[in-house]
Structure formats: C-alpha cells, structure tokens
Amino acid sequence: MEEIINYRRDDVYDPDTIEQLKSHYKAILQLLGEDAEREGLLKTPERVAKAWAYITKGYREDPIAILKSAIFREEYKQMVLVKDIEVYSVCEHHMLPFIGKAHVAYIPNGYITGLSKIARVVDCFARRLQVQERLTVQIRDSIQEALNPVGVAVVIEASHMCMQMRGIEKQGSATTTSAFTGIFLSDPRTREEFLSLISSKLR
C-alpha cells in the first residue's frame, strides 16, 4: 500500500476566475432581456460566479488523495457500507441539477479508510458537470484504486431537473445506476446482501 497522502480542503475562490465569470454572467442576464444594472441584480453576477465555483469545486480536488488521507491497517473482512449519502450534482447536457442519494460499500483487503472520506469522494465527483452513469463508475473506480479492496459496490438514485423542469416534465421520475467490482460481481449472495441493506431501514 502506498504511503498516506496529505489532503487539505481549500474553498478559496480564485479572484481572476470570479471576475471573468462575473462578466459572462452579466452578459447572460442582458441577453435574457434583463437590466443587469437594476438594484436586485447588481451583485447577482458575482453571487452566481461564486456559487458555480463552489458547485464545481470537485475539479480542484483529488479523490485518491482524499481516500489516502485516512488509511488504516485493519483485518476487518466484512462489508463496510455508507448509505444515503446526499448527492448534489449538475447534468452536463443542460447544466441543471440532479439530486439524490448514493450508497457505497466495499469489503476491505487489509486496509480501511475513514467513513467521512467515502462521502467526500462522492462529493468530489458530484461537484463537477456530470452524467449519473459516469459519476457512479468514478466513485467505484477511485475506491478500488485507493484501497484495493475485495470488491466495491455503488448505487445512486437521483431525480433530474432536466426531466422535471423542461423537456418531458415528468415530476415523479427517478434514475438508478449501479457499478460493482470484485466479489460484488462474482458472488450473487454478497451483491444481494448489499442491495438488501440499502433498501432496509436499520436506523
């Protein structure tokens, strides 16, 4: 196992990026027919610039470093499951939100990571322009690479505003995606245990 990599969160905005985004958002307001100089919109371009810098902060984070910042040798060999992780992401096709929950499990192979790091990795990939299918696979692959576990399982359930606010406008629709490695692929009983646990209410 590679040595632990230090990881530090950094939510500082780059002033040059914010200034450039501000000018573009001001132009967008004007193109939409708004008066960008009226009182209610004067600070909107800056607010939106900072909001998008935060919404896409995953581009500036390293998921492998996140996981390796808290790796511990442990001979636990059963399933580790973190379920109901909130997902807030943005569809890359229309730049509208999709919101849901991720359920992530792995079976250790001599090493575990801090439970909060699993949620941080979900957030790291979600805070980018995404499609749900890719997001599911990226979470799976980063855990497999960082921990080399016996297997990884990821399921995401989400509602997409691009289907609810525009286009087909189906308000009750939801999308489920899954991705597995190792024993979750080869052993149906392990996969069924995972699916049973994420569908149950154990709290």
N, C-alpha and C. Protein backbone atom coordinates (compact mmCIF):
# COMPACT_ATOMS: atom_id res chain seq x y z
N MET A 1 0.85 -1.20 0.00
CA MET A 1 0.00 0.00 0.00
C MET A 1 0.89 1.24 0.00
N GLU A 2 0.54 2.22 -0.83
CA GLU A 2 1.32 3.44 -0.91
C GLU A 2 1.19 4.24 0.37
N GLU A 3 2.17 5.11 0.61
CA GLU A 3 2.13 5.92 1.81
C GLU A 3 0.97 6.90 1.76
N ILE A 4 0.53 7.32 2.94
CA ILE A 4 -0.60 8.23 3.06
C ILE A 4 -0.25 9.58 2.44
N ILE A 5 -1.17 10.12 1.67
CA ILE A 5 -1.01 11.44 1.06
C ILE A 5 -1.79 12.46 1.87
N ASN A 6 -1.16 13.55 2.24
CA ASN A 6 -1.87 14.58 2.99
C ASN A 6 -2.91 15.25 2.09
N TYR A 7 -4.05 15.54 2.68
CA TYR A 7 -5.14 16.17 1.93
C TYR A 7 -5.66 17.34 2.73
N ARG A 8 -5.86 18.48 2.06
CA ARG A 8 -6.37 19.67 2.74
C ARG A 8 -7.48 20.29 1.90
N ARG A 9 -8.59 20.57 2.53
CA ARG A 9 -9.68 21.23 1.83
C ARG A 9 -9.32 22.68 1.54
N ASP A 10 -9.78 23.18 0.40
CA ASP A 10 -9.46 24.54 0.02
C ASP A 10 -10.66 25.13 -0.73
N ASP A 11 -11.43 25.98 -0.04
CA ASP A 11 -12.61 26.59 -0.63
C ASP A 11 -12.35 28.04 -1.04
N VAL A 12 -11.09 28.43 -1.18
CA VAL A 12 -10.75 29.81 -1.53
C VAL A 12 -11.05 30.03 -3.01
N TYR A 13 -11.71 31.15 -3.32
CA TYR A 13 -12.03 31.47 -4.70
C TYR A 13 -10.86 32.16 -5.38
N ASP A 14 -10.61 31.80 -6.62
CA ASP A 14 -9.59 32.48 -7.41
C ASP A 14 -10.18 33.79 -7.92
N PRO A 15 -9.63 34.94 -7.53
CA PRO A 15 -10.25 36.23 -7.89
C PRO A 15 -10.32 36.47 -9.39
N ASP A 16 -9.30 36.05 -10.14
CA ASP A 16 -9.33 36.24 -11.59
C ASP A 16 -10.45 35.45 -12.24
N THR A 17 -10.63 34.21 -11.77
CA THR A 17 -11.70 33.38 -12.31
C THR A 17 -13.06 33.99 -12.00
N ILE A 18 -13.23 34.45 -10.77
CA ILE A 18 -14.51 35.06 -10.37
C ILE A 18 -14.80 36.29 -11.22
N GLU A 19 -13.81 37.12 -11.46
CA GLU A 19 -14.02 38.33 -12.27
C GLU A 19 -14.44 37.98 -13.69
N GLN A 20 -13.80 36.97 -14.26
CA GLN A 20 -14.17 36.57 -15.62
C GLN A 20 -15.58 35.98 -15.67
N LEU A 21 -15.90 35.15 -14.68
CA LEU A 21 -17.25 34.59 -14.63
C LEU A 21 -18.30 35.69 -14.45
N LYS A 22 -18.00 36.67 -13.61
CA LYS A 22 -18.93 37.79 -13.39
C LYS A 22 -19.30 38.47 -14.70
N SER A 23 -18.30 38.75 -15.52
CA SER A 23 -18.57 39.46 -16.77
C SER A 23 -19.45 38.61 -17.69
N HIS A 24 -19.21 37.31 -17.70
CA HIS A 24 -20.03 36.44 -18.55
C HIS A 24 -21.46 36.36 -18.04
N TYR A 25 -21.63 36.25 -16.71
CA TYR A 25 -22.99 36.16 -16.18
C TYR A 25 -23.75 37.47 -16.35
N LYS A 26 -23.07 38.58 -16.29
CA LYS A 26 -23.72 39.87 -16.56
C LYS A 26 -24.21 39.90 -18.00
N ALA A 27 -23.37 39.43 -18.92
CA ALA A 27 -23.77 39.39 -20.33
C ALA A 27 -24.96 38.45 -20.54
N ILE A 28 -24.98 37.32 -19.81
CA ILE A 28 -26.10 36.38 -19.93
C ILE A 28 -27.39 37.06 -19.48
N LEU A 29 -27.35 37.77 -18.36
CA LEU A 29 -28.54 38.48 -17.88
C LEU A 29 -29.06 39.44 -18.94
N GLN A 30 -28.16 40.16 -19.56
CA GLN A 30 -28.56 41.13 -20.58
C GLN A 30 -29.14 40.42 -21.81
N LEU A 31 -28.54 39.30 -22.21
CA LEU A 31 -29.05 38.54 -23.35
C LEU A 31 -30.43 37.97 -23.08
N LEU A 32 -30.73 37.69 -21.81
CA LEU A 32 -32.04 37.17 -21.45
C LEU A 32 -33.10 38.27 -21.39
N GLY A 33 -32.68 39.52 -21.56
CA GLY A 33 -33.62 40.64 -21.57
C GLY A 33 -33.73 41.38 -20.25
N GLU A 34 -32.82 41.07 -19.30
CA GLU A 34 -32.85 41.72 -18.00
C GLU A 34 -32.00 42.99 -18.01
N ASP A 35 -32.28 43.86 -17.04
CA ASP A 35 -31.46 45.04 -16.79
C ASP A 35 -30.45 44.67 -15.71
N ALA A 36 -29.22 44.36 -16.11
CA ALA A 36 -28.21 43.90 -15.16
C ALA A 36 -27.78 44.99 -14.19
N GLU A 37 -28.22 46.24 -14.42
CA GLU A 37 -27.84 47.35 -13.54
C GLU A 37 -28.91 47.66 -12.49
N ARG A 38 -30.03 46.97 -12.56
CA ARG A 38 -31.06 47.28 -11.55
C ARG A 38 -30.64 46.72 -10.19
N GLU A 39 -31.21 47.29 -9.13
CA GLU A 39 -30.75 47.02 -7.77
C GLU A 39 -30.70 45.54 -7.43
N GLY A 40 -31.74 44.80 -7.79
CA GLY A 40 -31.81 43.40 -7.41
C GLY A 40 -30.80 42.51 -8.12
N LEU A 41 -30.23 43.01 -9.21
CA LEU A 41 -29.30 42.19 -10.00
C LEU A 41 -27.86 42.69 -9.96
N LEU A 42 -27.62 43.79 -9.27
CA LEU A 42 -26.27 44.36 -9.29
C LEU A 42 -25.20 43.37 -8.84
N LYS A 43 -25.48 42.62 -7.79
CA LYS A 43 -24.48 41.69 -7.26
C LYS A 43 -24.72 40.25 -7.70
N THR A 44 -25.75 40.04 -8.54
CA THR A 44 -26.06 38.69 -8.97
C THR A 44 -24.92 38.03 -9.75
N PRO A 45 -24.27 38.71 -10.70
CA PRO A 45 -23.17 38.04 -11.41
C PRO A 45 -22.07 37.52 -10.49
N GLU A 46 -21.73 38.29 -9.46
CA GLU A 46 -20.70 37.83 -8.52
C GLU A 46 -21.20 36.67 -7.68
N ARG A 47 -22.45 36.76 -7.23
CA ARG A 47 -23.01 35.66 -6.44
C ARG A 47 -23.05 34.37 -7.25
N VAL A 48 -23.48 34.47 -8.51
CA VAL A 48 -23.58 33.28 -9.35
C VAL A 48 -22.18 32.73 -9.65
N ALA A 49 -21.22 33.62 -9.87
CA ALA A 49 -19.84 33.18 -10.14
C ALA A 49 -19.31 32.38 -8.96
N LYS A 50 -19.50 32.88 -7.74
CA LYS A 50 -19.02 32.17 -6.57
C LYS A 50 -19.80 30.87 -6.34
N ALA A 51 -21.11 30.90 -6.64
CA ALA A 51 -21.92 29.69 -6.49
C ALA A 51 -21.41 28.60 -7.43
N TRP A 52 -21.13 28.94 -8.68
CA TRP A 52 -20.65 27.94 -9.62
C TRP A 52 -19.24 27.50 -9.32
N ALA A 53 -18.42 28.39 -8.79
CA ALA A 53 -17.08 27.98 -8.37
C ALA A 53 -17.18 26.92 -7.27
N TYR A 54 -18.17 27.06 -6.39
CA TYR A 54 -18.36 26.08 -5.32
C TYR A 54 -19.00 24.80 -5.87
N ILE A 55 -20.02 24.95 -6.71
CA ILE A 55 -20.73 23.80 -7.25
C ILE A 55 -19.79 22.89 -8.04
N THR A 56 -18.75 23.47 -8.65
CA THR A 56 -17.80 22.70 -9.46
C THR A 56 -16.44 22.55 -8.79
N LYS A 57 -16.40 22.65 -7.48
CA LYS A 57 -15.12 22.58 -6.76
C LYS A 57 -14.47 21.21 -6.86
N GLY A 58 -15.22 20.21 -7.29
CA GLY A 58 -14.65 18.88 -7.44
C GLY A 58 -13.53 18.80 -8.45
N TYR A 59 -13.51 19.72 -9.41
CA TYR A 59 -12.41 19.74 -10.38
C TYR A 59 -11.07 20.03 -9.71
N ARG A 60 -11.12 20.68 -8.56
CA ARG A 60 -9.89 21.09 -7.88
C ARG A 60 -9.55 20.16 -6.71
N GLU A 61 -10.21 19.00 -6.65
CA GLU A 61 -9.97 18.04 -5.58
C GLU A 61 -9.50 16.71 -6.16
N ASP A 62 -8.73 15.98 -5.38
CA ASP A 62 -8.16 14.70 -5.79
C ASP A 62 -8.80 13.58 -4.98
N PRO A 63 -9.67 12.77 -5.58
CA PRO A 63 -10.37 11.73 -4.81
C PRO A 63 -9.45 10.69 -4.21
N ILE A 64 -8.37 10.35 -4.91
CA ILE A 64 -7.44 9.36 -4.38
C ILE A 64 -6.73 9.92 -3.14
N ALA A 65 -6.34 11.19 -3.21
CA ALA A 65 -5.71 11.83 -2.04
C ALA A 65 -6.68 11.90 -0.87
N ILE A 66 -7.95 12.14 -1.15
CA ILE A 66 -8.95 12.18 -0.08
C ILE A 66 -9.00 10.83 0.64
N LEU A 67 -9.09 9.76 -0.12
CA LEU A 67 -9.19 8.43 0.48
C LEU A 67 -7.92 8.05 1.23
N LYS A 68 -6.76 8.39 0.66
CA LYS A 68 -5.49 8.00 1.26
C LYS A 68 -5.08 8.89 2.44
N SER A 69 -5.84 9.97 2.66
CA SER A 69 -5.52 10.84 3.79
C SER A 69 -5.91 10.21 5.12
N ALA A 70 -6.66 9.12 5.08
CA ALA A 70 -7.07 8.44 6.32
C ALA A 70 -7.17 6.94 6.06
N ILE A 71 -6.03 6.30 5.79
CA ILE A 71 -5.99 4.85 5.58
C ILE A 71 -5.42 4.18 6.82
N PHE A 72 -6.08 3.10 7.24
CA PHE A 72 -5.66 2.39 8.45
C PHE A 72 -5.59 0.89 8.15
N ARG A 73 -4.55 0.25 8.67
CA ARG A 73 -4.47 -1.20 8.54
C ARG A 73 -5.49 -1.83 9.49
N GLU A 74 -6.31 -2.70 8.96
CA GLU A 74 -7.37 -3.32 9.76
C GLU A 74 -7.74 -4.64 9.10
N GLU A 75 -7.87 -5.70 9.89
CA GLU A 75 -8.16 -7.03 9.35
C GLU A 75 -9.66 -7.31 9.28
N TYR A 76 -10.48 -6.29 9.31
CA TYR A 76 -11.93 -6.45 9.13
C TYR A 76 -12.20 -6.93 7.71
N LYS A 77 -12.99 -7.98 7.57
CA LYS A 77 -13.18 -8.60 6.26
C LYS A 77 -14.64 -8.64 5.83
N GLN A 78 -15.51 -7.92 6.55
CA GLN A 78 -16.92 -7.88 6.18
C GLN A 78 -17.22 -6.57 5.45
N MET A 79 -18.45 -6.44 5.02
CA MET A 79 -18.85 -5.28 4.24
C MET A 79 -18.85 -3.99 5.06
N VAL A 80 -18.32 -2.94 4.48
CA VAL A 80 -18.42 -1.59 5.05
C VAL A 80 -19.36 -0.81 4.13
N LEU A 81 -20.47 -0.35 4.67
CA LEU A 81 -21.48 0.32 3.86
C LEU A 81 -21.76 1.72 4.42
N VAL A 82 -21.67 2.71 3.56
CA VAL A 82 -22.12 4.07 3.88
C VAL A 82 -23.27 4.38 2.94
N LYS A 83 -24.47 4.47 3.48
CA LYS A 83 -25.62 4.66 2.61
C LYS A 83 -26.29 6.00 2.85
N ASP A 84 -27.16 6.37 1.91
CA ASP A 84 -27.92 7.62 1.98
C ASP A 84 -27.00 8.85 1.99
N ILE A 85 -25.92 8.80 1.22
CA ILE A 85 -25.04 9.97 1.08
C ILE A 85 -25.71 10.94 0.12
N GLU A 86 -25.95 12.15 0.56
CA GLU A 86 -26.62 13.13 -0.30
C GLU A 86 -25.76 13.46 -1.52
N VAL A 87 -26.40 13.50 -2.67
CA VAL A 87 -25.72 13.83 -3.93
C VAL A 87 -26.36 15.09 -4.51
N TYR A 88 -25.54 16.09 -4.75
CA TYR A 88 -25.96 17.31 -5.45
C TYR A 88 -24.99 17.49 -6.62
N SER A 89 -25.50 17.31 -7.83
CA SER A 89 -24.64 17.44 -8.99
C SER A 89 -25.37 18.21 -10.08
N VAL A 90 -24.68 18.41 -11.21
CA VAL A 90 -25.22 19.19 -12.31
C VAL A 90 -25.06 18.40 -13.60
N CYS A 91 -26.16 18.20 -14.30
CA CYS A 91 -26.14 17.49 -15.58
C CYS A 91 -25.36 18.31 -16.61
N GLU A 92 -24.41 17.67 -17.27
CA GLU A 92 -23.57 18.39 -18.22
C GLU A 92 -24.30 18.75 -19.51
N HIS A 93 -25.46 18.15 -19.76
CA HIS A 93 -26.16 18.41 -21.02
C HIS A 93 -26.96 19.72 -20.98
N HIS A 94 -27.56 20.03 -19.82
CA HIS A 94 -28.36 21.25 -19.72
C HIS A 94 -27.93 22.14 -18.56
N MET A 95 -26.92 21.69 -17.82
CA MET A 95 -26.42 22.41 -16.65
C MET A 95 -27.55 22.72 -15.66
N LEU A 96 -28.38 21.71 -15.44
CA LEU A 96 -29.43 21.75 -14.43
C LEU A 96 -29.11 20.69 -13.38
N PRO A 97 -29.58 20.89 -12.14
CA PRO A 97 -29.20 19.97 -11.06
C PRO A 97 -29.83 18.59 -11.19
N PHE A 98 -29.12 17.60 -10.67
CA PHE A 98 -29.76 16.34 -10.31
C PHE A 98 -29.37 16.02 -8.87
N ILE A 99 -30.36 15.55 -8.12
CA ILE A 99 -30.24 15.43 -6.67
C ILE A 99 -30.70 14.04 -6.25
N GLY A 100 -29.96 13.44 -5.33
CA GLY A 100 -30.36 12.12 -4.87
C GLY A 100 -29.48 11.61 -3.76
N LYS A 101 -29.31 10.29 -3.73
CA LYS A 101 -28.52 9.65 -2.67
C LYS A 101 -27.64 8.57 -3.28
N ALA A 102 -26.46 8.44 -2.69
CA ALA A 102 -25.52 7.39 -3.09
C ALA A 102 -25.37 6.39 -1.95
N HIS A 103 -25.22 5.13 -2.31
CA HIS A 103 -24.97 4.06 -1.36
C HIS A 103 -23.66 3.39 -1.80
N VAL A 104 -22.67 3.39 -0.92
CA VAL A 104 -21.34 2.93 -1.29
C VAL A 104 -20.88 1.87 -0.28
N ALA A 105 -20.40 0.75 -0.80
CA ALA A 105 -19.90 -0.33 0.06
C ALA A 105 -18.59 -0.87 -0.50
N TYR A 106 -17.75 -1.37 0.41
CA TYR A 106 -16.56 -2.10 -0.02
C TYR A 106 -16.24 -3.16 1.02
N ILE A 107 -15.52 -4.17 0.60
CA ILE A 107 -15.06 -5.21 1.52
C ILE A 107 -13.55 -5.09 1.61
N PRO A 108 -13.02 -4.73 2.78
CA PRO A 108 -11.59 -4.43 2.92
C PRO A 108 -10.69 -5.62 2.60
N ASN A 109 -9.48 -5.27 2.19
CA ASN A 109 -8.45 -6.26 1.91
C ASN A 109 -7.19 -5.88 2.69
N GLY A 110 -7.38 -5.67 4.01
CA GLY A 110 -6.26 -5.31 4.87
C GLY A 110 -6.22 -3.84 5.25
N TYR A 111 -6.97 -3.01 4.53
CA TYR A 111 -6.97 -1.58 4.83
C TYR A 111 -8.38 -1.02 4.76
N ILE A 112 -8.66 -0.05 5.63
CA ILE A 112 -9.92 0.69 5.59
C ILE A 112 -9.60 2.18 5.49
N THR A 113 -10.61 2.95 5.14
CA THR A 113 -10.46 4.41 5.11
C THR A 113 -11.49 5.03 6.04
N GLY A 114 -11.28 6.27 6.44
CA GLY A 114 -12.24 6.95 7.28
C GLY A 114 -13.61 7.03 6.60
N LEU A 115 -14.66 6.82 7.38
CA LEU A 115 -16.01 6.79 6.79
C LEU A 115 -16.36 8.10 6.10
N SER A 116 -15.92 9.22 6.67
CA SER A 116 -16.24 10.51 6.06
C SER A 116 -15.57 10.67 4.71
N LYS A 117 -14.47 9.94 4.48
CA LYS A 117 -13.76 10.06 3.20
C LYS A 117 -14.59 9.47 2.06
N ILE A 118 -15.41 8.47 2.35
CA ILE A 118 -16.30 7.92 1.34
C ILE A 118 -17.28 9.00 0.87
N ALA A 119 -17.87 9.70 1.84
CA ALA A 119 -18.81 10.77 1.48
C ALA A 119 -18.10 11.90 0.75
N ARG A 120 -16.86 12.20 1.14
CA ARG A 120 -16.11 13.27 0.47
C ARG A 120 -15.79 12.91 -0.99
N VAL A 121 -15.52 11.63 -1.23
CA VAL A 121 -15.25 11.20 -2.60
C VAL A 121 -16.51 11.33 -3.46
N VAL A 122 -17.65 10.95 -2.91
CA VAL A 122 -18.91 11.14 -3.62
C VAL A 122 -19.08 12.62 -3.98
N ASP A 123 -18.83 13.49 -3.02
CA ASP A 123 -18.98 14.92 -3.23
C ASP A 123 -17.96 15.44 -4.25
N CYS A 124 -16.74 14.93 -4.19
CA CYS A 124 -15.69 15.36 -5.11
C CYS A 124 -16.11 15.15 -6.56
N PHE A 125 -16.65 13.98 -6.88
CA PHE A 125 -17.06 13.71 -8.25
C PHE A 125 -18.39 14.37 -8.59
N ALA A 126 -19.29 14.49 -7.60
CA ALA A 126 -20.59 15.11 -7.85
C ALA A 126 -20.45 16.60 -8.15
N ARG A 127 -19.44 17.25 -7.54
CA ARG A 127 -19.25 18.68 -7.73
C ARG A 127 -18.48 18.97 -9.02
N ARG A 128 -18.95 18.36 -10.09
CA ARG A 128 -18.43 18.58 -11.44
C ARG A 128 -19.62 18.48 -12.39
N LEU A 129 -19.48 18.95 -13.62
CA LEU A 129 -20.51 18.67 -14.60
C LEU A 129 -20.49 17.17 -14.86
N GLN A 130 -21.67 16.54 -14.78
CA GLN A 130 -21.69 15.08 -14.74
C GLN A 130 -22.83 14.50 -15.55
N VAL A 131 -22.74 13.20 -15.77
CA VAL A 131 -23.88 12.34 -16.04
C VAL A 131 -23.87 11.30 -14.92
N GLN A 132 -25.04 10.84 -14.54
CA GLN A 132 -25.13 9.95 -13.39
C GLN A 132 -24.37 8.65 -13.61
N GLU A 133 -24.38 8.17 -14.84
CA GLU A 133 -23.70 6.91 -15.14
C GLU A 133 -22.20 7.02 -14.86
N ARG A 134 -21.59 8.11 -15.35
CA ARG A 134 -20.15 8.31 -15.14
C ARG A 134 -19.84 8.52 -13.67
N LEU A 135 -20.66 9.30 -12.99
CA LEU A 135 -20.47 9.57 -11.57
C LEU A 135 -20.40 8.26 -10.78
N THR A 136 -21.30 7.34 -11.06
CA THR A 136 -21.34 6.05 -10.36
C THR A 136 -20.05 5.28 -10.55
N VAL A 137 -19.56 5.24 -11.77
CA VAL A 137 -18.35 4.49 -12.09
C VAL A 137 -17.11 5.16 -11.49
N GLN A 138 -17.05 6.49 -11.52
CA GLN A 138 -15.89 7.19 -10.97
C GLN A 138 -15.74 6.95 -9.47
N ILE A 139 -16.85 6.95 -8.75
CA ILE A 139 -16.80 6.67 -7.31
C ILE A 139 -16.27 5.26 -7.08
N ARG A 140 -16.82 4.29 -7.81
CA ARG A 140 -16.38 2.90 -7.69
C ARG A 140 -14.89 2.76 -7.97
N ASP A 141 -14.44 3.33 -9.08
CA ASP A 141 -13.06 3.12 -9.51
C ASP A 141 -12.05 3.78 -8.57
N SER A 142 -12.41 4.94 -8.01
CA SER A 142 -11.46 5.62 -7.11
C SER A 142 -11.26 4.82 -5.83
N ILE A 143 -12.33 4.22 -5.30
CA ILE A 143 -12.21 3.40 -4.09
C ILE A 143 -11.42 2.14 -4.39
N GLN A 144 -11.68 1.54 -5.55
CA GLN A 144 -10.93 0.33 -5.93
C GLN A 144 -9.44 0.65 -6.07
N GLU A 145 -9.11 1.77 -6.68
CA GLU A 145 -7.71 2.14 -6.88
C GLU A 145 -7.01 2.47 -5.56
N ALA A 146 -7.67 3.23 -4.71
CA ALA A 146 -7.02 3.70 -3.48
C ALA A 146 -6.86 2.62 -2.43
N LEU A 147 -7.85 1.73 -2.31
CA LEU A 147 -7.86 0.75 -1.21
C LEU A 147 -7.57 -0.68 -1.66
N ASN A 148 -7.70 -0.96 -2.95
CA ASN A 148 -7.57 -2.32 -3.46
C ASN A 148 -8.38 -3.32 -2.63
N PRO A 149 -9.66 -3.06 -2.44
CA PRO A 149 -10.49 -3.95 -1.62
C PRO A 149 -10.88 -5.21 -2.39
N VAL A 150 -11.55 -6.11 -1.68
CA VAL A 150 -12.04 -7.34 -2.30
C VAL A 150 -13.13 -7.01 -3.32
N GLY A 151 -13.84 -5.94 -3.09
CA GLY A 151 -14.88 -5.52 -4.03
C GLY A 151 -15.48 -4.19 -3.61
N VAL A 152 -16.09 -3.49 -4.57
CA VAL A 152 -16.75 -2.20 -4.33
C VAL A 152 -18.12 -2.25 -4.97
N ALA A 153 -19.10 -1.64 -4.31
CA ALA A 153 -20.45 -1.53 -4.85
C ALA A 153 -20.95 -0.10 -4.68
N VAL A 154 -21.52 0.45 -5.74
CA VAL A 154 -22.07 1.81 -5.70
C VAL A 154 -23.43 1.81 -6.38
N VAL A 155 -24.42 2.38 -5.70
CA VAL A 155 -25.74 2.61 -6.29
C VAL A 155 -26.11 4.06 -6.05
N ILE A 156 -26.58 4.74 -7.09
CA ILE A 156 -27.05 6.12 -6.97
C ILE A 156 -28.49 6.19 -7.46
N GLU A 157 -29.33 6.86 -6.67
CA GLU A 157 -30.72 7.13 -7.03
C GLU A 157 -30.87 8.64 -7.08
N ALA A 158 -31.36 9.19 -8.20
CA ALA A 158 -31.42 10.64 -8.31
C ALA A 158 -32.59 11.10 -9.18
N SER A 159 -33.04 12.32 -8.91
CA SER A 159 -34.04 12.99 -9.72
C SER A 159 -33.35 14.10 -10.50
N HIS A 160 -33.68 14.20 -11.79
CA HIS A 160 -33.00 15.13 -12.69
C HIS A 160 -33.92 16.28 -13.07
N MET A 161 -33.48 17.50 -12.76
CA MET A 161 -34.28 18.67 -13.08
C MET A 161 -34.45 18.87 -14.59
N CYS A 162 -33.52 18.33 -15.39
CA CYS A 162 -33.66 18.47 -16.84
C CYS A 162 -34.85 17.66 -17.36
N MET A 163 -35.31 16.68 -16.56
CA MET A 163 -36.52 15.93 -16.91
C MET A 163 -37.76 16.50 -16.25
N GLN A 164 -37.59 17.26 -15.17
CA GLN A 164 -38.72 17.74 -14.40
C GLN A 164 -39.08 19.19 -14.68
N MET A 165 -38.07 20.02 -14.99
CA MET A 165 -38.32 21.44 -15.22
C MET A 165 -38.52 21.78 -16.69
N ARG A 166 -38.03 20.92 -17.59
CA ARG A 166 -38.08 21.19 -19.02
C ARG A 166 -38.34 19.88 -19.75
N GLY A 167 -38.38 19.95 -21.05
CA GLY A 167 -38.50 18.73 -21.84
C GLY A 167 -39.74 17.91 -21.51
N ILE A 168 -39.54 16.68 -21.09
CA ILE A 168 -40.63 15.75 -20.86
C ILE A 168 -41.46 16.12 -19.63
N GLU A 169 -40.86 16.84 -18.66
CA GLU A 169 -41.54 17.33 -17.46
C GLU A 169 -42.26 16.23 -16.69
N LYS A 170 -41.55 15.19 -16.37
CA LYS A 170 -42.10 14.09 -15.57
C LYS A 170 -41.63 14.25 -14.13
N GLN A 171 -42.51 14.76 -13.27
CA GLN A 171 -42.13 15.19 -11.94
C GLN A 171 -41.73 14.05 -11.00
N GLY A 172 -42.31 12.89 -11.17
CA GLY A 172 -42.03 11.80 -10.24
C GLY A 172 -40.93 10.85 -10.68
N SER A 173 -40.26 11.18 -11.77
CA SER A 173 -39.27 10.24 -12.31
C SER A 173 -38.00 10.23 -11.48
N ALA A 174 -37.34 9.08 -11.45
CA ALA A 174 -36.05 8.93 -10.77
C ALA A 174 -35.21 7.96 -11.57
N THR A 175 -33.89 8.11 -11.45
CA THR A 175 -32.95 7.27 -12.18
C THR A 175 -32.05 6.54 -11.19
N THR A 176 -31.86 5.24 -11.39
CA THR A 176 -30.98 4.43 -10.56
C THR A 176 -29.85 3.87 -11.41
N THR A 177 -28.61 4.04 -10.93
CA THR A 177 -27.45 3.47 -11.60
C THR A 177 -26.64 2.67 -10.60
N SER A 178 -25.92 1.67 -11.09
CA SER A 178 -25.11 0.83 -10.21
C SER A 178 -23.79 0.47 -10.88
N ALA A 179 -22.79 0.20 -10.05
CA ALA A 179 -21.48 -0.23 -10.55
C ALA A 179 -20.83 -1.10 -9.48
N PHE A 180 -20.23 -2.22 -9.89
CA PHE A 180 -19.65 -3.18 -8.96
C PHE A 180 -18.27 -3.63 -9.43
N THR A 181 -17.45 -4.04 -8.47
CA THR A 181 -16.19 -4.72 -8.79
C THR A 181 -16.05 -5.94 -7.89
N GLY A 182 -15.12 -6.82 -8.27
CA GLY A 182 -14.72 -7.92 -7.40
C GLY A 182 -15.84 -8.84 -6.99
N ILE A 183 -15.90 -9.09 -5.69
CA ILE A 183 -16.84 -10.07 -5.15
C ILE A 183 -18.29 -9.66 -5.35
N PHE A 184 -18.55 -8.36 -5.49
CA PHE A 184 -19.92 -7.92 -5.74
C PHE A 184 -20.39 -8.34 -7.14
N LEU A 185 -19.44 -8.57 -8.04
CA LEU A 185 -19.76 -9.10 -9.36
C LEU A 185 -19.80 -10.61 -9.38
N SER A 186 -18.86 -11.24 -8.68
CA SER A 186 -18.70 -12.69 -8.79
C SER A 186 -19.59 -13.49 -7.84
N ASP A 187 -20.03 -12.88 -6.75
CA ASP A 187 -20.80 -13.60 -5.73
C ASP A 187 -22.20 -12.99 -5.61
N PRO A 188 -23.23 -13.62 -6.15
CA PRO A 188 -24.58 -13.07 -6.08
C PRO A 188 -25.06 -12.84 -4.65
N ARG A 189 -24.63 -13.67 -3.71
CA ARG A 189 -25.08 -13.51 -2.31
C ARG A 189 -24.55 -12.22 -1.70
N THR A 190 -23.31 -11.87 -2.01
CA THR A 190 -22.74 -10.63 -1.50
C THR A 190 -23.47 -9.43 -2.10
N ARG A 191 -23.72 -9.50 -3.40
CA ARG A 191 -24.44 -8.41 -4.07
C ARG A 191 -25.86 -8.28 -3.51
N GLU A 192 -26.51 -9.40 -3.28
CA GLU A 192 -27.87 -9.37 -2.73
C GLU A 192 -27.88 -8.81 -1.31
N GLU A 193 -26.86 -9.13 -0.52
CA GLU A 193 -26.76 -8.57 0.83
C GLU A 193 -26.66 -7.05 0.77
N PHE A 194 -25.82 -6.56 -0.12
CA PHE A 194 -25.68 -5.10 -0.29
C PHE A 194 -27.01 -4.47 -0.69
N LEU A 195 -27.68 -5.04 -1.68
CA LEU A 195 -28.94 -4.47 -2.16
C LEU A 195 -30.00 -4.52 -1.08
N SER A 196 -30.00 -5.59 -0.27
CA SER A 196 -30.95 -5.70 0.83
C SER A 196 -30.69 -4.64 1.89
N LEU A 197 -29.41 -4.41 2.20
CA LEU A 197 -29.07 -3.43 3.24
C LEU A 197 -29.42 -2.01 2.82
N ILE A 198 -29.22 -1.67 1.55
CA ILE A 198 -29.52 -0.29 1.15
C ILE A 198 -31.03 -0.04 1.03
N SER A 199 -31.80 -1.12 0.91
CA SER A 199 -33.26 -0.94 0.81
C SER A 199 -33.93 -1.03 2.16
N SER A 200 -33.20 -1.42 3.19
CA SER A 200 -33.80 -1.57 4.53
C SER A 200 -33.61 -0.32 5.36
N LYS A 201 -34.41 -0.18 6.39
CA LYS A 201 -34.33 0.94 7.32
C LYS A 201 -33.81 0.42 8.65
N LEU A 202 -32.50 0.54 8.86
CA LEU A 202 -31.89 -0.02 10.05
C LEU A 202 -31.71 0.99 11.17
N ARG A 203 -32.06 2.25 10.90
CA ARG A 203 -31.85 3.29 11.92
C ARG A 203 -32.95 3.24 12.95
